[in-house]
Amino acid sequence: MEIKQKLQALKTLFSEMETALIAYSGGIDSTLVAKVARDVLGDRALAMTAVSPSLLPEELEDARIQAAEIGIAHELVETREMENPNYTANPVNRCYFCKSELHDTLKPLAREKGYPYVVDGINADDLQDYRPGIQAAKERGARSPLAELGISKLEVRQLSQLLELPWWDKPAQPCLSSRFPYGEEITVAKLHRVGRAEVYLRKLGYNTLRVRSDRDTARIEIPAEQIQSFIAAIDLPEVVKTFKDLGFVCVTLDLEGYRSGKLNDALLKA
């Protein structure tokens, strides 16, 4: 199916839904879903963003701006996954407990507001990765239009570009809890620390990156092809000072380079 045909299929799917409440993070996937839903359904589409310590304030602001630009109604709701010890203990299925909290919060709200189900931004590529949160969403009756139509991450970007969305090339930004190795307890303070470290590096011009946190050690991941220029161009003592001011004891650079989902490598060795 060509990209324009997939766009039409997505529009048809929303037309058949008649209403849509979108679990909207402000990432490129859920924003595309929100855009098409708004185009097809008008005021019968609602974007709802879950607010918690694992969402950067800057990402929340992006979500607000993008929702306003595409014209969709946008509401916020607080989720409390940090109150669940099954989540904060950071087991390998941590994401299951996160998405359980999300959909256990959104589903009754959707029913109250007259929406038969919640729609998310899961794409076809996500189904090939280790994503225990997908199961939690399925168990609670959520629909995933991108995955249902076989739309990949690359096609999400192509569709976003076709629709002239200015953030079509926005880097992926999963929740901050994904920065910690499985088994390390997650706290609000740790989430804040790693979040501020990433924002600091983005302000230096590095948009595709992760700051992995292992206890009090920060490991900076940037694309492998940028490592040499990073070392040459950045004031490394200032970076170290900034990270230590945030509470890190040791600051390292991953010479393998950035790779999404790298912490899942430990599961393959288990």
Protein backbone atom coordinates (compact mmCIF):
# COMPACT_ATOMS: atom_id res chain seq x y z
CA MET A 1 0.00 0.00 0.00
CA GLU A 2 1.43 3.40 -0.99
CA ILE A 3 1.82 6.12 1.63
CA LYS A 4 -1.16 8.12 0.35
CA GLN A 5 -3.29 4.99 0.42
CA LYS A 6 -2.27 4.41 4.03
CA LEU A 7 -3.29 7.96 4.87
CA GLN A 8 -6.68 7.35 3.30
CA ALA A 9 -7.02 4.07 5.19
CA LEU A 10 -6.25 5.90 8.43
CA LYS A 11 -8.90 8.50 7.66
CA THR A 12 -11.41 5.77 6.85
CA LEU A 13 -10.67 4.00 10.11
CA PHE A 14 -11.39 7.18 12.10
CA SER A 15 -14.52 7.84 10.09
CA GLU A 16 -15.78 4.39 11.09
CA MET A 17 -14.90 5.06 14.75
CA GLU A 18 -17.09 8.20 14.76
CA THR A 19 -15.38 9.46 17.96
CA ALA A 20 -11.85 9.19 19.33
CA LEU A 21 -10.12 9.88 22.63
CA ILE A 22 -6.39 9.76 21.94
CA ALA A 23 -3.76 8.86 24.52
CA TYR A 24 -1.56 11.72 23.43
CA SER A 25 2.04 12.10 24.62
CA GLY A 26 3.15 14.70 22.10
CA GLY A 27 5.45 12.20 20.41
CA ILE A 28 5.38 11.91 16.64
CA ASP A 29 3.19 8.78 16.62
CA SER A 30 0.36 9.98 18.86
CA THR A 31 0.51 13.43 17.29
CA LEU A 32 -0.05 11.97 13.82
CA VAL A 33 -2.99 9.98 15.20
CA ALA A 34 -4.38 13.14 16.82
CA LYS A 35 -3.94 15.15 13.60
CA VAL A 36 -5.80 12.67 11.41
CA ALA A 37 -8.49 12.18 14.04
CA ARG A 38 -9.03 15.95 14.22
CA ASP A 39 -9.14 16.27 10.42
CA VAL A 40 -11.76 13.53 10.13
CA LEU A 41 -13.81 13.94 13.30
CA GLY A 42 -13.46 17.60 14.18
CA ASP A 43 -14.67 18.27 17.73
CA ARG A 44 -15.50 14.58 18.18
CA ALA A 45 -11.77 13.97 18.71
CA LEU A 46 -10.05 14.66 22.02
CA ALA A 47 -6.35 14.41 22.88
CA MET A 48 -5.56 13.61 26.49
CA THR A 49 -2.06 13.78 27.96
CA ALA A 50 -1.04 11.90 31.10
CA VAL A 51 1.10 14.03 33.38
CA SER A 52 3.57 12.40 35.76
CA PRO A 53 7.22 12.78 36.87
CA SER A 54 8.32 10.56 33.95
CA LEU A 55 7.23 13.23 31.44
CA LEU A 56 9.59 16.15 30.91
CA PRO A 57 7.96 19.57 31.38
CA GLU A 58 9.43 20.51 28.00
CA GLU A 59 7.71 17.52 26.39
CA LEU A 60 4.42 18.54 27.97
CA GLU A 61 4.83 22.04 26.55
CA ASP A 62 5.56 20.56 23.11
CA ALA A 63 2.36 18.52 23.41
CA ARG A 64 0.38 21.67 24.20
CA ILE A 65 1.86 23.57 21.26
CA GLN A 66 1.34 20.74 18.78
CA ALA A 67 -2.25 20.13 19.89
CA ALA A 68 -3.01 23.83 19.47
CA GLU A 69 -1.43 23.86 16.02
CA ILE A 70 -3.46 20.91 14.73
CA GLY A 71 -6.57 22.30 16.40
CA ILE A 72 -7.56 19.33 18.51
CA ALA A 73 -9.16 19.70 21.94
CA HIS A 74 -6.53 18.87 24.54
CA GLU A 75 -6.88 17.93 28.20
CA LEU A 76 -4.44 16.82 30.90
CA VAL A 77 -4.88 14.07 33.46
CA GLU A 78 -2.56 13.06 36.29
CA THR A 79 -1.41 9.46 36.52
CA ARG A 80 0.08 7.91 39.65
CA GLU A 81 2.32 5.09 38.50
CA MET A 82 4.98 6.33 40.96
CA GLU A 83 2.70 5.19 43.79
CA ASN A 84 2.83 1.60 42.51
CA PRO A 85 5.81 -0.37 43.91
CA ASN A 86 5.50 -2.78 40.98
CA TYR A 87 6.45 0.15 38.76
CA THR A 88 9.08 1.88 40.89
CA ALA A 89 10.92 -1.41 41.51
CA ASN A 90 11.65 -1.26 37.76
CA PRO A 91 11.16 -4.92 36.80
CA VAL A 92 11.59 -6.02 33.19
CA ASN A 93 7.85 -5.55 32.65
CA ARG A 94 7.81 -2.08 34.20
CA CYS A 95 6.11 -0.70 31.10
CA TYR A 96 3.14 -3.00 31.73
CA PHE A 97 2.41 -1.27 35.03
CA CYS A 98 2.87 2.16 33.48
CA LYS A 99 0.39 1.49 30.66
CA SER A 100 -1.98 -0.23 33.08
CA GLU A 101 -2.12 2.96 35.13
CA LEU A 102 -2.53 5.06 31.99
CA HIS A 103 -5.41 3.08 30.56
CA ASP A 104 -7.04 2.44 33.93
CA THR A 105 -7.14 6.24 34.21
CA LEU A 106 -8.21 7.02 30.65
CA LYS A 107 -10.80 4.28 30.10
CA PRO A 108 -13.35 5.49 32.68
CA LEU A 109 -12.80 9.07 31.55
CA ALA A 110 -13.45 8.03 27.97
CA ARG A 111 -16.71 6.32 28.94
CA GLU A 112 -17.76 9.32 31.03
CA LYS A 113 -17.18 11.64 28.08
CA GLY A 114 -18.95 9.35 25.61
CA TYR A 115 -15.99 7.72 23.87
CA PRO A 116 -16.29 3.93 23.46
CA TYR A 117 -12.54 3.32 23.63
CA VAL A 118 -9.11 4.92 23.90
CA VAL A 119 -6.87 5.21 20.84
CA ASP A 120 -3.07 5.15 21.14
CA GLY A 121 -0.03 5.77 18.93
CA ILE A 122 1.48 2.27 18.84
CA ASN A 123 2.94 1.68 15.36
CA ALA A 124 3.72 -1.54 13.50
CA ASP A 125 7.42 -1.49 14.45
CA ASP A 126 6.54 -1.36 18.15
CA LEU A 127 4.94 -4.78 17.82
CA GLN A 128 8.36 -6.23 16.91
CA ASP A 129 10.08 -4.83 20.01
CA TYR A 130 9.85 -5.81 23.67
CA ARG A 131 6.92 -3.60 24.75
CA PRO A 132 4.99 -5.16 27.66
CA GLY A 133 2.87 -2.01 27.82
CA ILE A 134 1.17 -3.02 24.57
CA GLN A 135 -0.39 -6.00 26.33
CA ALA A 136 -1.73 -3.76 29.10
CA ALA A 137 -3.36 -1.51 26.51
CA LYS A 138 -4.90 -4.45 24.67
CA GLU A 139 -6.30 -5.91 27.89
CA ARG A 140 -8.12 -2.62 28.46
CA GLY A 141 -9.61 -2.43 24.99
CA ALA A 142 -7.42 0.30 23.52
CA ARG A 143 -7.11 0.57 19.75
CA SER A 144 -3.90 1.22 17.84
CA PRO A 145 -4.77 2.53 14.33
CA LEU A 146 -1.15 2.76 13.14
CA ALA A 147 -0.43 -0.84 14.11
CA GLU A 148 -3.78 -2.06 12.76
CA LEU A 149 -2.91 -0.64 9.35
CA GLY A 150 0.73 -1.81 9.41
CA ILE A 151 2.13 1.72 9.49
CA SER A 152 5.81 1.70 10.47
CA LYS A 153 7.83 4.40 12.25
CA LEU A 154 9.34 5.50 8.95
CA GLU A 155 5.87 5.77 7.45
CA VAL A 156 4.72 7.79 10.46
CA ARG A 157 7.42 10.31 9.58
CA GLN A 158 6.49 10.20 5.88
CA LEU A 159 2.82 10.75 6.67
CA SER A 160 3.67 13.58 9.07
CA GLN A 161 5.77 15.22 6.36
CA LEU A 162 2.98 14.71 3.81
CA LEU A 163 0.60 16.50 6.19
CA GLU A 164 3.19 19.29 6.61
CA LEU A 165 3.61 18.75 10.32
CA PRO A 166 6.77 20.71 11.27
CA TRP A 167 7.82 18.10 13.85
CA TRP A 168 7.87 15.19 11.35
CA ASP A 169 11.55 14.50 12.19
CA LYS A 170 11.24 14.91 15.95
CA PRO A 171 13.44 12.36 17.78
CA ALA A 172 11.70 9.63 19.76
CA GLN A 173 11.33 10.54 23.43
CA PRO A 174 10.16 7.60 25.54
CA CYS A 175 9.35 8.16 29.21
CA LEU A 176 12.27 8.97 31.48
CA SER A 177 11.97 5.68 33.34
CA SER A 178 13.48 3.96 30.30
CA ARG A 179 16.86 5.49 31.22
CA PHE A 180 17.44 3.12 34.14
CA PRO A 181 18.67 -0.49 34.04
CA TYR A 182 16.04 -3.01 35.07
CA GLY A 183 16.10 -3.62 38.79
CA GLU A 184 17.24 -0.16 39.85
CA GLU A 185 14.55 1.61 41.85
CA ILE A 186 12.99 4.62 40.15
CA THR A 187 12.39 7.75 42.21
CA VAL A 188 11.08 11.21 41.38
CA ALA A 189 14.51 12.68 42.20
CA LYS A 190 16.24 10.32 39.77
CA LEU A 191 13.74 11.11 37.01
CA HIS A 192 14.28 14.82 37.54
CA ARG A 193 18.07 14.42 37.50
CA VAL A 194 18.23 12.49 34.24
CA GLY A 195 15.61 14.74 32.64
CA ARG A 196 17.49 17.95 33.42
CA ALA A 197 20.72 16.37 32.13
CA GLU A 198 19.10 15.57 28.78
CA VAL A 199 17.57 19.03 28.48
CA TYR A 200 21.01 20.54 29.15
CA LEU A 201 22.59 18.53 26.32
CA ARG A 202 19.76 19.37 23.93
CA LYS A 203 20.39 23.04 24.53
CA LEU A 204 23.95 22.38 23.36
CA GLY A 205 22.53 21.15 20.04
CA TYR A 206 22.29 17.39 20.56
CA ASN A 207 18.69 16.38 19.94
CA THR A 208 19.11 12.63 19.43
CA LEU A 209 20.52 11.36 22.71
CA ARG A 210 19.95 9.51 25.93
CA VAL A 211 21.43 9.96 29.38
CA ARG A 212 21.38 6.49 30.89
CA SER A 213 21.53 6.46 34.68
CA ASP A 214 23.15 3.58 36.55
CA ARG A 215 23.04 4.41 40.25
CA ASP A 216 25.03 7.67 40.44
CA THR A 217 26.77 7.22 37.08
CA ALA A 218 25.52 9.02 33.99
CA ARG A 219 26.26 7.48 30.59
CA ILE A 220 25.76 9.85 27.68
CA GLU A 221 24.62 8.26 24.42
CA ILE A 222 24.77 10.27 21.19
CA PRO A 223 24.90 8.97 17.60
CA ALA A 224 28.25 7.24 16.96
CA GLU A 225 29.07 9.58 14.07
CA GLN A 226 28.83 12.59 16.41
CA ILE A 227 31.11 11.31 19.15
CA GLN A 228 34.37 12.77 17.84
CA SER A 229 32.86 16.19 17.17
CA PHE A 230 31.18 16.11 20.59
CA ILE A 231 34.53 15.54 22.31
CA ALA A 232 36.21 18.24 20.21
CA ALA A 233 33.50 20.88 20.44
CA ILE A 234 32.01 20.55 23.91
CA ASP A 235 33.49 22.00 27.09
CA LEU A 236 33.82 18.63 28.79
CA PRO A 237 34.73 19.97 32.27
CA GLU A 238 31.60 22.13 32.13
CA VAL A 239 29.50 19.10 31.18
CA VAL A 240 30.95 17.15 34.10
CA LYS A 241 30.34 20.04 36.49
CA THR A 242 26.74 20.43 35.33
CA PHE A 243 26.03 16.72 35.75
CA LYS A 244 27.65 16.65 39.18
CA ASP A 245 25.63 19.68 40.23
CA LEU A 246 22.56 17.61 39.30
CA GLY A 247 23.73 14.85 41.65
CA PHE A 248 25.70 12.45 39.45
CA VAL A 249 29.04 11.24 40.82
CA CYS A 250 30.53 9.95 37.57
CA VAL A 251 29.93 11.04 33.94
CA THR A 252 30.80 8.77 31.01
CA LEU A 253 30.35 8.70 27.23
CA ASP A 254 29.12 5.50 25.54
CA LEU A 255 31.60 4.84 22.72
CA GLU A 256 29.18 2.47 20.99
CA GLY A 257 26.85 5.41 20.41
CA TYR A 258 23.13 5.94 20.77
CA ARG A 259 20.75 3.08 20.08
CA SER A 260 17.10 3.06 21.05
CA GLY A 261 16.18 0.30 23.49
CA LYS A 262 19.77 -0.51 24.38
CA LEU A 263 18.91 -1.46 27.93
CA ASN A 264 16.83 -4.34 26.58
CA ASP A 265 20.10 -6.02 25.58
CA ALA A 266 20.27 -7.34 29.14
CA LEU A 267 17.11 -9.38 28.48
CA LEU A 268 18.77 -11.21 25.61
CA LYS A 269 21.65 -12.27 27.85
CA ALA A 270 19.37 -13.51 30.64
